[in-house]
Amino acid sequence: MSNYREPLPVGLLIRNRRRGLGLSQNDLARQLGISQGSISKLERGLGGEQHASRILAVLGIDLGMKTAALMAPG
């Protein structure tokens, strides 16, 4: 059995951390001054990339690389 794990998409990392902190999408959106829809889209991988760096910082997620590199296609 392999120890290899597929990396989690950034949106899933954000969702898991947000939920772990007991925050709703609305709570997080209010803290950042953005729409709940932007949080939802980013978590589902459907957009919201322009907010990713701020969301990661507020949630205390350090990916060790630029967010833009993670969001770039393929």
Protein backbone atom coordinates (compact mmCIF):
# COMPACT_ATOMS: atom_id res chain seq x y z
CA MET A 1 0.00 0.00 0.00
CA SER A 2 1.37 3.39 -1.03
CA ASN A 3 1.70 6.41 1.25
CA TYR A 4 1.14 8.73 -1.73
CA ARG A 5 -1.83 11.04 -1.41
CA GLU A 6 -3.21 13.26 -4.14
CA PRO A 7 -2.84 16.92 -3.08
CA LEU A 8 -6.05 18.61 -2.02
CA PRO A 9 -7.34 21.38 -4.24
CA VAL A 10 -7.00 24.79 -2.64
CA GLY A 11 -10.78 25.15 -2.42
CA LEU A 12 -11.06 21.97 -0.40
CA LEU A 13 -8.26 23.08 1.91
CA ILE A 14 -10.11 26.34 2.47
CA ARG A 15 -13.43 24.60 3.10
CA ASN A 16 -11.93 22.11 5.56
CA ARG A 17 -10.07 24.81 7.51
CA ARG A 18 -13.10 27.14 7.56
CA ARG A 19 -15.33 24.38 8.88
CA GLY A 20 -12.66 23.33 11.38
CA LEU A 21 -12.71 26.86 12.75
CA GLY A 22 -16.50 26.77 13.02
CA LEU A 23 -16.97 29.51 10.44
CA SER A 24 -19.76 29.65 7.91
CA GLN A 25 -19.12 30.98 4.43
CA ASN A 26 -21.04 34.10 5.49
CA ASP A 27 -18.84 34.57 8.57
CA LEU A 28 -15.67 34.37 6.50
CA ALA A 29 -17.07 36.60 3.76
CA ARG A 30 -17.98 39.28 6.32
CA GLN A 31 -14.46 39.18 7.81
CA LEU A 32 -12.99 39.72 4.36
CA GLY A 33 -15.58 42.17 3.03
CA ILE A 34 -16.43 39.94 0.07
CA SER A 35 -19.54 38.05 -0.98
CA GLN A 36 -20.48 34.62 0.32
CA GLY A 37 -20.76 33.59 -3.32
CA SER A 38 -17.06 34.29 -3.83
CA ILE A 39 -16.19 31.92 -0.99
CA SER A 40 -18.54 29.28 -2.38
CA LYS A 41 -17.11 29.53 -5.89
CA LEU A 42 -13.53 29.25 -4.67
CA GLU A 43 -14.32 26.23 -2.50
CA ARG A 44 -15.96 24.52 -5.48
CA GLY A 45 -13.18 25.45 -7.90
CA LEU A 46 -15.45 27.65 -9.99
CA GLY A 47 -13.80 31.04 -9.52
CA GLY A 48 -12.94 33.50 -6.80
CA GLU A 49 -9.19 33.13 -7.31
CA GLN A 50 -8.65 36.85 -6.85
CA HIS A 51 -9.57 36.40 -3.17
CA ALA A 52 -7.59 33.22 -2.50
CA SER A 53 -4.48 34.82 -0.95
CA ARG A 54 -6.52 36.85 1.52
CA ILE A 55 -8.72 33.89 2.44
CA LEU A 56 -5.71 31.64 3.01
CA ALA A 57 -4.08 34.29 5.20
CA VAL A 58 -7.21 34.85 7.31
CA LEU A 59 -7.58 31.10 7.82
CA GLY A 60 -3.90 30.72 8.71
CA ILE A 61 -3.11 28.42 5.78
CA ASP A 62 0.49 28.72 4.55
CA LEU A 63 1.01 26.83 1.35
CA GLY A 64 4.65 27.82 0.97
CA MET A 65 4.14 29.02 -2.59
CA LYS A 66 2.33 31.75 -4.44
CA THR A 67 -1.40 31.20 -4.70
CA ALA A 68 -1.39 32.22 -8.35
CA ALA A 69 0.85 29.26 -9.14
CA LEU A 70 -1.64 26.91 -7.51
CA MET A 71 -4.57 28.38 -9.38
CA ALA A 72 -2.91 28.32 -12.79
CA PRO A 73 -4.40 25.75 -15.14
CA GLY A 74 -2.57 22.51 -15.79
